[in-house]
Structures are given as C-alpha cells and as structure tokens.
Amino acid sequence: MRKILMAAAAGMAVAVFQPASWAADARLAQDEMKEHGCLSCHEAAKKKVGPSYKDIGAKYKGKKTEEAMAGMKGKPVHKSILAKTTDSSLKVIMEWLIEQ
C-alpha cells in the first residue's frame, strides 16, 4: 500500500510541476527570440517574412533538436543572426518550437 501511495504522490507532483516548467521554458525561448531578432521575420501563427513558429514546429515535430538547429543554420538568410547567437540560445528556441 505504501508503494502505491508513493507512486501516486510522485505522479501528482510531476503533473503539478510540469506546466510551470513548460511555461518557464516558453518564456525563456520567447526572450531568446526577442533578443536575437527572430521576431523581425517570424510570428507565432502566421507567415511574416519567414514561416510562422507554428509551421516551423510542425516541420520538425518528432525530430531531434540538433536536426532543427542544422536546418536553421543551413539557411543563408540566418547568417547574420547566427553570428550573434550561441548554440545554447538556439537550442532553447528550437526545443520550444518542436514541443509546440
């Protein structure tokens, strides 16, 4: 009985804290996008100069973050942005986009 209660408590803790963690990741990713100028060309739900975040997320859904990062790095239009962006910042952004 004790094992069942412990498992249930652990499951509830994960359920309670996961949305807060996701919200923090979303905020961090959005801050990174603002800082690095992504919002100049991309919007959340509609195409601007570049595809929407929704479309980018759908394109890379189920793929590894590194693959999405390589896809972005392979686009010549991103060259000036990437010169000012660290891989860790790019990873935060791409992880969040893929999770959408």
PDB file of N, CA and C in Angstrom:
ATOM      1  N   MET A   1       0.821  -1.196   0.000  1.00  0.00           N
ATOM      2  CA  MET A   1       0.000   0.000   0.000  1.00  0.00           C
ATOM      3  C   MET A   1       0.867   1.263   0.000  1.00  0.00           C
ATOM      4  N   ARG A   2       1.951   1.206   0.766  1.00  0.00           N
ATOM      5  CA  ARG A   2       2.831   2.374   0.854  1.00  0.00           C
ATOM      6  C   ARG A   2       3.455   2.685  -0.507  1.00  0.00           C
ATOM      7  N   LYS A   3       3.838   1.659  -1.252  1.00  0.00           N
ATOM      8  CA  LYS A   3       4.430   1.857  -2.579  1.00  0.00           C
ATOM      9  C   LYS A   3       3.430   2.506  -3.534  1.00  0.00           C
ATOM     10  N   ILE A   4       2.193   2.102  -3.436  1.00  0.00           N
ATOM     11  CA  ILE A   4       1.148   2.672  -4.292  1.00  0.00           C
ATOM     12  C   ILE A   4       0.962   4.153  -3.968  1.00  0.00           C
ATOM     13  N   LEU A   5       0.926   4.496  -2.681  1.00  0.00           N
ATOM     14  CA  LEU A   5       0.770   5.894  -2.276  1.00  0.00           C
ATOM     15  C   LEU A   5       1.968   6.730  -2.728  1.00  0.00           C
ATOM     16  N   MET A   6       3.158   6.178  -2.607  1.00  0.00           N
ATOM     17  CA  MET A   6       4.362   6.910  -3.037  1.00  0.00           C
ATOM     18  C   MET A   6       4.337   7.133  -4.549  1.00  0.00           C
ATOM     19  N   ALA A   7       3.941   6.117  -5.300  1.00  0.00           N
ATOM     20  CA  ALA A   7       3.873   6.252  -6.758  1.00  0.00           C
ATOM     21  C   ALA A   7       2.819   7.288  -7.149  1.00  0.00           C
ATOM     22  N   ALA A   8       1.690   7.269  -6.477  1.00  0.00           N
ATOM     23  CA  ALA A   8       0.631   8.239  -6.768  1.00  0.00           C
ATOM     24  C   ALA A   8       1.095   9.656  -6.438  1.00  0.00           C
ATOM     25  N   ALA A   9       1.775   9.825  -5.314  1.00  0.00           N
ATOM     26  CA  ALA A   9       2.272  11.155  -4.929  1.00  0.00           C
ATOM     27  C   ALA A   9       3.303  11.653  -5.935  1.00  0.00           C
ATOM     28  N   ALA A  10       4.178  10.774  -6.374  1.00  0.00           N
ATOM     29  CA  ALA A  10       5.192  11.168  -7.363  1.00  0.00           C
ATOM     30  C   ALA A  10       4.529  11.570  -8.677  1.00  0.00           C
ATOM     31  N   GLY A  11       3.536  10.819  -9.090  1.00  0.00           N
ATOM     32  CA  GLY A  11       2.814  11.139 -10.326  1.00  0.00           C
ATOM     33  C   GLY A  11       2.107  12.477 -10.245  1.00  0.00           C
ATOM     34  N   MET A  12       1.513  12.750  -9.108  1.00  0.00           N
ATOM     35  CA  MET A  12       0.828  14.024  -8.938  1.00  0.00           C
ATOM     36  C   MET A  12       1.822  15.180  -8.919  1.00  0.00           C
ATOM     37  N   ALA A  13       2.981  14.971  -8.332  1.00  0.00           N
ATOM     38  CA  ALA A  13       3.996  16.027  -8.292  1.00  0.00           C
ATOM     39  C   ALA A  13       4.462  16.364  -9.702  1.00  0.00           C
ATOM     40  N   VAL A  14       4.657  15.349 -10.509  1.00  0.00           N
ATOM     41  CA  VAL A  14       5.063  15.585 -11.905  1.00  0.00           C
ATOM     42  C   VAL A  14       3.976  16.348 -12.641  1.00  0.00           C
ATOM     43  N   ALA A  15       2.738  15.962 -12.451  1.00  0.00           N
ATOM     44  CA  ALA A  15       1.621  16.624 -13.128  1.00  0.00           C
ATOM     45  C   ALA A  15       1.488  18.087 -12.700  1.00  0.00           C
ATOM     46  N   VAL A  16       1.736  18.358 -11.449  1.00  0.00           N
ATOM     47  CA  VAL A  16       1.600  19.719 -10.939  1.00  0.00           C
ATOM     48  C   VAL A  16       2.727  20.621 -11.414  1.00  0.00           C
ATOM     49  N   PHE A  17       3.959  20.107 -11.403  1.00  0.00           N
ATOM     50  CA  PHE A  17       5.111  20.956 -11.709  1.00  0.00           C
ATOM     51  C   PHE A  17       5.456  21.029 -13.182  1.00  0.00           C
ATOM     52  N   GLN A  18       4.961  20.144 -14.003  1.00  0.00           N
ATOM     53  CA  GLN A  18       5.285  20.181 -15.428  1.00  0.00           C
ATOM     54  C   GLN A  18       4.788  21.443 -16.122  1.00  0.00           C
ATOM     55  N   PRO A  19       3.557  21.888 -15.944  1.00  0.00           N
ATOM     56  CA  PRO A  19       3.126  23.118 -16.613  1.00  0.00           C
ATOM     57  C   PRO A  19       3.967  24.334 -16.227  1.00  0.00           C
ATOM     58  N   ALA A  20       4.374  24.431 -14.971  1.00  0.00           N
ATOM     59  CA  ALA A  20       5.208  25.553 -14.551  1.00  0.00           C
ATOM     60  C   ALA A  20       6.553  25.502 -15.254  1.00  0.00           C
ATOM     61  N   SER A  21       7.110  24.320 -15.387  1.00  0.00           N
ATOM     62  CA  SER A  21       8.387  24.158 -16.076  1.00  0.00           C
ATOM     63  C   SER A  21       8.237  24.502 -17.551  1.00  0.00           C
ATOM     64  N   TRP A  22       7.149  24.060 -18.170  1.00  0.00           N
ATOM     65  CA  TRP A  22       6.935  24.354 -19.587  1.00  0.00           C
ATOM     66  C   TRP A  22       6.770  25.856 -19.801  1.00  0.00           C
ATOM     67  N   ALA A  23       6.057  26.509 -18.894  1.00  0.00           N
ATOM     68  CA  ALA A  23       5.847  27.955 -19.011  1.00  0.00           C
ATOM     69  C   ALA A  23       7.171  28.695 -18.891  1.00  0.00           C
ATOM     70  N   ALA A  24       8.047  28.237 -18.001  1.00  0.00           N
ATOM     71  CA  ALA A  24       9.359  28.868 -17.858  1.00  0.00           C
ATOM     72  C   ALA A  24      10.166  28.683 -19.134  1.00  0.00           C
ATOM     73  N   ASP A  25      10.120  27.475 -19.728  1.00  0.00           N
ATOM     74  CA  ASP A  25      10.827  27.219 -20.985  1.00  0.00           C
ATOM     75  C   ASP A  25      10.282  28.110 -22.093  1.00  0.00           C
ATOM     76  N   ALA A  26       8.979  28.269 -22.144  1.00  0.00           N
ATOM     77  CA  ALA A  26       8.357  29.108 -23.176  1.00  0.00           C
ATOM     78  C   ALA A  26       8.804  30.551 -23.012  1.00  0.00           C
ATOM     79  N   ARG A  27       8.811  31.032 -21.780  1.00  0.00           N
ATOM     80  CA  ARG A  27       9.237  32.408 -21.520  1.00  0.00           C
ATOM     81  C   ARG A  27      10.700  32.608 -21.911  1.00  0.00           C
ATOM     82  N   LEU A  28      11.540  31.645 -21.553  1.00  0.00           N
ATOM     83  CA  LEU A  28      12.961  31.723 -21.890  1.00  0.00           C
ATOM     84  C   LEU A  28      13.156  31.718 -23.401  1.00  0.00           C
ATOM     85  N   ALA A  29      12.456  30.822 -24.097  1.00  0.00           N
ATOM     86  CA  ALA A  29      12.568  30.760 -25.557  1.00  0.00           C
ATOM     87  C   ALA A  29      12.096  32.057 -26.197  1.00  0.00           C
ATOM     88  N   GLN A  30      10.998  32.599 -25.717  1.00  0.00           N
ATOM     89  CA  GLN A  30      10.480  33.848 -26.274  1.00  0.00           C
ATOM     90  C   GLN A  30      11.426  35.017 -25.993  1.00  0.00           C
ATOM     91  N   ASP A  31      12.046  35.022 -24.830  1.00  0.00           N
ATOM     92  CA  ASP A  31      13.042  36.059 -24.534  1.00  0.00           C
ATOM     93  C   ASP A  31      14.236  35.950 -25.476  1.00  0.00           C
ATOM     94  N   GLU A  32      14.665  34.721 -25.726  1.00  0.00           N
ATOM     95  CA  GLU A  32      15.786  34.497 -26.648  1.00  0.00           C
ATOM     96  C   GLU A  32      15.417  34.961 -28.063  1.00  0.00           C
ATOM     97  N   MET A  33      14.192  34.670 -28.491  1.00  0.00           N
ATOM     98  CA  MET A  33      13.751  35.079 -29.827  1.00  0.00           C
ATOM     99  C   MET A  33      13.731  36.601 -29.955  1.00  0.00           C
ATOM    100  N   LYS A  34      13.277  37.277 -28.913  1.00  0.00           N
ATOM    101  CA  LYS A  34      13.263  38.752 -28.924  1.00  0.00           C
ATOM    102  C   LYS A  34      14.689  39.294 -28.980  1.00  0.00           C
ATOM    103  N   GLU A  35      15.545  38.748 -28.125  1.00  0.00           N
ATOM    104  CA  GLU A  35      16.926  39.228 -28.026  1.00  0.00           C
ATOM    105  C   GLU A  35      17.697  39.069 -29.337  1.00  0.00           C
ATOM    106  N   HIS A  36      17.439  37.989 -30.054  1.00  0.00           N
ATOM    107  CA  HIS A  36      18.219  37.694 -31.256  1.00  0.00           C
ATOM    108  C   HIS A  36      17.550  38.129 -32.553  1.00  0.00           C
ATOM    109  N   GLY A  37      16.428  38.805 -32.451  1.00  0.00           N
ATOM    110  CA  GLY A  37      15.807  39.391 -33.631  1.00  0.00           C
ATOM    111  C   GLY A  37      14.934  38.461 -34.454  1.00  0.00           C
ATOM    112  N   CYS A  38      14.563  37.338 -33.907  1.00  0.00           N
ATOM    113  CA  CYS A  38      13.730  36.379 -34.646  1.00  0.00           C
ATOM    114  C   CYS A  38      12.366  36.978 -35.000  1.00  0.00           C
ATOM    115  N   LEU A  39      11.875  37.845 -34.116  1.00  0.00           N
ATOM    116  CA  LEU A  39      10.546  38.415 -34.310  1.00  0.00           C
ATOM    117  C   LEU A  39      10.479  39.396 -35.476  1.00  0.00           C
ATOM    118  N   SER A  40      11.625  39.777 -36.001  1.00  0.00           N
ATOM    119  CA  SER A  40      11.639  40.650 -37.176  1.00  0.00           C
ATOM    120  C   SER A  40      11.087  39.935 -38.403  1.00  0.00           C
ATOM    121  N   CYS A  41      11.284  38.615 -38.443  1.00  0.00           N
ATOM    122  CA  CYS A  41      10.889  37.845 -39.630  1.00  0.00           C
ATOM    123  C   CYS A  41       9.826  36.780 -39.364  1.00  0.00           C
ATOM    124  N   HIS A  42       9.619  36.419 -38.097  1.00  0.00           N
ATOM    125  CA  HIS A  42       8.701  35.325 -37.764  1.00  0.00           C
ATOM    126  C   HIS A  42       7.650  35.782 -36.772  1.00  0.00           C
ATOM    127  N   GLU A  43       6.454  35.222 -36.886  1.00  0.00           N
ATOM    128  CA  GLU A  43       5.372  35.428 -35.916  1.00  0.00           C
ATOM    129  C   GLU A  43       4.896  34.072 -35.439  1.00  0.00           C
ATOM    130  N   ALA A  44       4.094  34.072 -34.398  1.00  0.00           N
ATOM    131  CA  ALA A  44       3.638  32.826 -33.799  1.00  0.00           C
ATOM    132  C   ALA A  44       2.776  31.988 -34.734  1.00  0.00           C
ATOM    133  N   ALA A  45       1.757  32.580 -35.325  1.00  0.00           N
ATOM    134  CA  ALA A  45       0.776  31.776 -36.046  1.00  0.00           C
ATOM    135  C   ALA A  45       0.652  32.082 -37.533  1.00  0.00           C
ATOM    136  N   LYS A  46       1.300  33.136 -38.018  1.00  0.00           N
ATOM    137  CA  LYS A  46       1.160  33.425 -39.443  1.00  0.00           C
ATOM    138  C   LYS A  46       2.507  33.772 -40.060  1.00  0.00           C
ATOM    139  N   LYS A  47       2.606  33.536 -41.338  1.00  0.00           N
ATOM    140  CA  LYS A  47       3.824  33.821 -42.079  1.00  0.00           C
ATOM    141  C   LYS A  47       4.050  35.333 -42.119  1.00  0.00           C
ATOM    142  N   LYS A  48       5.268  35.725 -41.881  1.00  0.00           N
ATOM    143  CA  LYS A  48       5.645  37.132 -41.974  1.00  0.00           C
ATOM    144  C   LYS A  48       6.642  37.191 -43.133  1.00  0.00           C
ATOM    145  N   VAL A  49       7.897  37.409 -42.881  1.00  0.00           N
ATOM    146  CA  VAL A  49       8.935  37.277 -43.897  1.00  0.00           C
ATOM    147  C   VAL A  49       9.303  35.793 -44.017  1.00  0.00           C
ATOM    148  N   GLY A  50       9.436  35.169 -42.852  1.00  0.00           N
ATOM    149  CA  GLY A  50       9.716  33.740 -42.786  1.00  0.00           C
ATOM    150  C   GLY A  50       8.495  32.994 -42.298  1.00  0.00           C
ATOM    151  N   PRO A  51       8.580  31.671 -42.210  1.00  0.00           N
ATOM    152  CA  PRO A  51       7.428  30.877 -41.756  1.00  0.00           C
ATOM    153  C   PRO A  51       7.074  31.171 -40.297  1.00  0.00           C
ATOM    154  N   SER A  52       5.846  30.841 -39.928  1.00  0.00           N
ATOM    155  CA  SER A  52       5.405  31.036 -38.543  1.00  0.00           C
ATOM    156  C   SER A  52       6.091  30.019 -37.635  1.00  0.00           C
ATOM    157  N   TYR A  53       6.121  30.328 -36.352  1.00  0.00           N
ATOM    158  CA  TYR A  53       6.673  29.384 -35.386  1.00  0.00           C
ATOM    159  C   TYR A  53       5.887  28.083 -35.403  1.00  0.00           C
ATOM    160  N   LYS A  54       4.597  28.187 -35.600  1.00  0.00           N
ATOM    161  CA  LYS A  54       3.730  27.015 -35.672  1.00  0.00           C
ATOM    162  C   LYS A  54       4.161  26.110 -36.829  1.00  0.00           C
ATOM    163  N   ASP A  55       4.437  26.702 -37.986  1.00  0.00           N
ATOM    164  CA  ASP A  55       4.865  25.933 -39.151  1.00  0.00           C
ATOM    165  C   ASP A  55       6.252  25.325 -38.951  1.00  0.00           C
ATOM    166  N   ILE A  56       7.141  26.070 -38.321  1.00  0.00           N
ATOM    167  CA  ILE A  56       8.487  25.553 -38.058  1.00  0.00           C
ATOM    168  C   ILE A  56       8.399  24.363 -37.106  1.00  0.00           C
ATOM    169  N   GLY A  57       7.599  24.511 -36.050  1.00  0.00           N
ATOM    170  CA  GLY A  57       7.411  23.417 -35.101  1.00  0.00           C
ATOM    171  C   GLY A  57       6.845  22.177 -35.763  1.00  0.00           C
ATOM    172  N   ALA A  58       5.879  22.371 -36.654  1.00  0.00           N
ATOM    173  CA  ALA A  58       5.272  21.238 -37.361  1.00  0.00           C
ATOM    174  C   ALA A  58       6.288  20.561 -38.275  1.00  0.00           C
ATOM    175  N   LYS A  59       7.140  21.338 -38.904  1.00  0.00           N
ATOM    176  CA  LYS A  59       8.152  20.789 -39.819  1.00  0.00           C
ATOM    177  C   LYS A  59       9.129  19.867 -39.086  1.00  0.00           C
ATOM    178  N   TYR A  60       9.498  20.246 -37.880  1.00  0.00           N
ATOM    179  CA  TYR A  60      10.495  19.484 -37.135  1.00  0.00           C
ATOM    180  C   TYR A  60       9.915  18.609 -36.030  1.00  0.00           C
ATOM    181  N   LYS A  61       8.594  18.513 -35.954  1.00  0.00           N
ATOM    182  CA  LYS A  61       7.926  17.701 -34.932  1.00  0.00           C
ATOM    183  C   LYS A  61       8.446  16.266 -34.983  1.00  0.00           C
ATOM    184  N   GLY A  62       8.856  15.741 -33.849  1.00  0.00           N
ATOM    185  CA  GLY A  62       9.336  14.370 -33.762  1.00  0.00           C
ATOM    186  C   GLY A  62      10.795  14.197 -34.174  1.00  0.00           C
ATOM    187  N   LYS A  63      11.441  15.276 -34.568  1.00  0.00           N
ATOM    188  CA  LYS A  63      12.846  15.199 -34.954  1.00  0.00           C
ATOM    189  C   LYS A  63      13.715  15.711 -33.818  1.00  0.00           C
ATOM    190  N   LYS A  64      14.989  15.414 -33.902  1.00  0.00           N
ATOM    191  CA  LYS A  64      15.918  15.855 -32.866  1.00  0.00           C
ATOM    192  C   LYS A  64      16.177  17.347 -32.978  1.00  0.00           C
ATOM    193  N   THR A  65      16.430  17.956 -31.843  1.00  0.00           N
ATOM    194  CA  THR A  65      16.714  19.390 -31.799  1.00  0.00           C
ATOM    195  C   THR A  65      17.897  19.739 -32.688  1.00  0.00           C
ATOM    196  N   GLU A  66      18.907  18.888 -32.687  1.00  0.00           N
ATOM    197  CA  GLU A  66      20.106  19.144 -33.487  1.00  0.00           C
ATOM    198  C   GLU A  66      19.770  19.213 -34.973  1.00  0.00           C
ATOM    199  N   GLU A  67      18.818  18.406 -35.403  1.00  0.00           N
ATOM    200  CA  GLU A  67      18.389  18.423 -36.806  1.00  0.00           C
ATOM    201  C   GLU A  67      17.704  19.753 -37.138  1.00  0.00           C
ATOM    202  N   ALA A  68      16.880  20.232 -36.223  1.00  0.00           N
ATOM    203  CA  ALA A  68      16.213  21.519 -36.429  1.00  0.00           C
ATOM    204  C   ALA A  68      17.235  22.659 -36.430  1.00  0.00           C
ATOM    205  N   MET A  69      18.213  22.576 -35.537  1.00  0.00           N
ATOM    206  CA  MET A  69      19.257  23.596 -35.494  1.00  0.00           C
ATOM    207  C   MET A  69      20.057  23.596 -36.796  1.00  0.00           C
ATOM    208  N   ALA A  70      20.372  22.413 -37.306  1.00  0.00           N
ATOM    209  CA  ALA A  70      21.115  22.314 -38.564  1.00  0.00           C
ATOM    210  C   ALA A  70      20.298  22.889 -39.716  1.00  0.00           C
ATOM    211  N   GLY A  71      18.991  22.668 -39.692  1.00  0.00           N
ATOM    212  CA  GLY A  71      18.122  23.223 -40.731  1.00  0.00           C
ATOM    213  C   GLY A  71      18.148  24.740 -40.724  1.00  0.00           C
ATOM    214  N   MET A  72      18.130  25.317 -39.536  1.00  0.00           N
ATOM    215  CA  MET A  72      18.172  26.776 -39.438  1.00  0.00           C
ATOM    216  C   MET A  72      19.536  27.305 -39.861  1.00  0.00           C
ATOM    217  N   LYS A  73      20.589  26.633 -39.398  1.00  0.00           N
ATOM    218  CA  LYS A  73      21.943  27.067 -39.728  1.00  0.00           C
ATOM    219  C   LYS A  73      22.231  26.953 -41.223  1.00  0.00           C
ATOM    220  N   GLY A  74      21.518  26.068 -41.905  1.00  0.00           N
ATOM    221  CA  GLY A  74      21.734  25.863 -43.331  1.00  0.00           C
ATOM    222  C   GLY A  74      21.121  26.938 -44.217  1.00  0.00           C
ATOM    223  N   LYS A  75      20.369  27.821 -43.647  1.00  0.00           N
ATOM    224  CA  LYS A  75      19.709  28.877 -44.422  1.00  0.00           C
ATOM    225  C   LYS A  75      20.593  30.136 -44.431  1.00  0.00           C
ATOM    226  N   PRO A  76      21.039  30.566 -45.613  1.00  0.00           N
ATOM    227  CA  PRO A  76      21.917  31.746 -45.699  1.00  0.00           C
ATOM    228  C   PRO A  76      21.317  33.009 -45.078  1.00  0.00           C
ATOM    229  N   VAL A  77      19.997  33.128 -45.079  1.00  0.00           N
ATOM    230  CA  VAL A  77      19.341  34.320 -44.542  1.00  0.00           C
ATOM    231  C   VAL A  77      19.595  34.477 -43.034  1.00  0.00           C
ATOM    232  N   HIS A  78      19.929  33.381 -42.353  1.00  0.00           N
ATOM    233  CA  HIS A  78      20.161  33.419 -40.915  1.00  0.00           C
ATOM    234  C   HIS A  78      21.620  33.709 -40.553  1.00  0.00           C
ATOM    235  N   LYS A  79      22.481  33.869 -41.523  1.00  0.00           N
ATOM    236  CA  LYS A  79      23.917  34.006 -41.261  1.00  0.00           C
ATOM    237  C   LYS A  79      24.242  35.145 -40.289  1.00  0.00           C
ATOM    238  N   SER A  80      23.670  36.315 -40.487  1.00  0.00           N
ATOM    239  CA  SER A  80      23.989  37.449 -39.605  1.00  0.00           C
ATOM    240  C   SER A  80      23.437  37.238 -38.195  1.00  0.00           C
ATOM    241  N   ILE A  81      22.278  36.633 -38.090  1.00  0.00           N
ATOM    242  CA  ILE A  81      21.689  36.352 -36.771  1.00  0.00           C
ATOM    243  C   ILE A  81      22.537  35.322 -36.035  1.00  0.00           C
ATOM    244  N   LEU A  82      22.955  34.269 -36.736  1.00  0.00           N
ATOM    245  CA  LEU A  82      23.728  33.202 -36.102  1.00  0.00           C
ATOM    246  C   LEU A  82      25.089  33.687 -35.621  1.00  0.00           C
ATOM    247  N   ALA A  83      25.622  34.721 -36.244  1.00  0.00           N
ATOM    248  CA  ALA A  83      26.908  35.271 -35.808  1.00  0.00           C
ATOM    249  C   ALA A  83      26.802  35.861 -34.402  1.00  0.00           C
ATOM    250  N   LYS A  84      25.588  36.230 -33.994  1.00  0.00           N
ATOM    251  CA  LYS A  84      25.366  36.849 -32.679  1.00  0.00           C
ATOM    252  C   LYS A  84      24.636  35.920 -31.703  1.00  0.00           C
ATOM    253  N   THR A  85      24.397  34.678 -32.107  1.00  0.00           N
ATOM    254  CA  THR A  85      23.600  33.753 -31.299  1.00  0.00           C
ATOM    255  C   THR A  85      24.443  32.539 -30.907  1.00  0.00           C
ATOM    256  N   THR A  86      24.381  32.172 -29.643  1.00  0.00           N
ATOM    257  CA  THR A  86      25.100  30.977 -29.199  1.00  0.00           C
ATOM    258  C   THR A  86      24.283  29.730 -29.517  1.00  0.00           C
ATOM    259  N   ASP A  87      24.963  28.592 -29.583  1.00  0.00           N
ATOM    260  CA  ASP A  87      24.258  27.334 -29.808  1.00  0.00           C
ATOM    261  C   ASP A  87      23.286  27.035 -28.672  1.00  0.00           C
ATOM    262  N   SER A  88      23.631  27.430 -27.453  1.00  0.00           N
ATOM    263  CA  SER A  88      22.723  27.156 -26.329  1.00  0.00           C
ATOM    264  C   SER A  88      21.432  27.974 -26.462  1.00  0.00           C
ATOM    265  N   SER A  89      21.540  29.218 -26.931  1.00  0.00           N
ATOM    266  CA  SER A  89      20.337  30.027 -27.146  1.00  0.00           C
ATOM    267  C   SER A  89      19.493  29.440 -28.266  1.00  0.00           C
ATOM    268  N   LEU A  90      20.144  29.046 -29.335  1.00  0.00           N
ATOM    269  CA  LEU A  90      19.434  28.453 -30.466  1.00  0.00           C
ATOM    270  C   LEU A  90      18.758  27.152 -30.055  1.00  0.00           C
ATOM    271  N   LYS A  91      19.415  26.379 -29.217  1.00  0.00           N
ATOM    272  CA  LYS A  91      18.838  25.108 -28.758  1.00  0.00           C
ATOM    273  C   LYS A  91      17.572  25.349 -27.940  1.00  0.00           C
ATOM    274  N   VAL A  92      17.587  26.344 -27.069  1.00  0.00           N
ATOM    275  CA  VAL A  92      16.400  26.676 -26.262  1.00  0.00           C
ATOM    276  C   VAL A  92      15.229  27.016 -27.188  1.00  0.00           C
ATOM    277  N   ILE A  93      15.498  27.836 -28.190  1.00  0.00           N
ATOM    278  CA  ILE A  93      14.450  28.254 -29.129  1.00  0.00           C
ATOM    279  C   ILE A  93      13.904  27.057 -29.900  1.00  0.00           C
ATOM    280  N   MET A  94      14.799  26.257 -30.461  1.00  0.00           N
ATOM    281  CA  MET A  94      14.356  25.141 -31.302  1.00  0.00           C
ATOM    282  C   MET A  94      13.650  24.058 -30.491  1.00  0.00           C
ATOM    283  N   GLU A  95      14.111  23.797 -29.271  1.00  0.00           N
ATOM    284  CA  GLU A  95      13.420  22.823 -28.419  1.00  0.00           C
ATOM    285  C   GLU A  95      11.987  23.264 -28.163  1.00  0.00           C
ATOM    286  N   TRP A  96      11.816  24.544 -27.865  1.00  0.00           N
ATOM    287  CA  TRP A  96      10.470  25.054 -27.601  1.00  0.00           C
ATOM    288  C   TRP A  96       9.599  24.973 -28.847  1.00  0.00           C
ATOM    289  N   LEU A  97      10.139  25.315 -30.006  1.00  0.00           N
ATOM    290  CA  LEU A  97       9.367  25.259 -31.240  1.00  0.00           C
ATOM    291  C   LEU A  97       8.918  23.836 -31.553  1.00  0.00           C
ATOM    292  N   ILE A  98       9.797  22.883 -31.352  1.00  0.00           N
ATOM    293  CA  ILE A  98       9.471  21.486 -31.652  1.00  0.00           C
ATOM    294  C   ILE A  98       8.388  20.968 -30.716  1.00  0.00           C
ATOM    295  N   GLU A  99       8.380  21.439 -29.471  1.00  0.00           N
ATOM    296  CA  GLU A  99       7.384  20.986 -28.487  1.00  0.00           C
ATOM    297  C   GLU A  99       6.004  21.562 -28.716  1.00  0.00           C
ATOM    298  N   GLN A 100       5.876  22.569 -29.572  1.00  0.00           N
ATOM    299  CA  GLN A 100       4.588  23.210 -29.814  1.00  0.00           C
ATOM    300  C   GLN A 100       3.583  22.253 -30.368  1.00  0.00           C
TER     301      GLN A 100
END
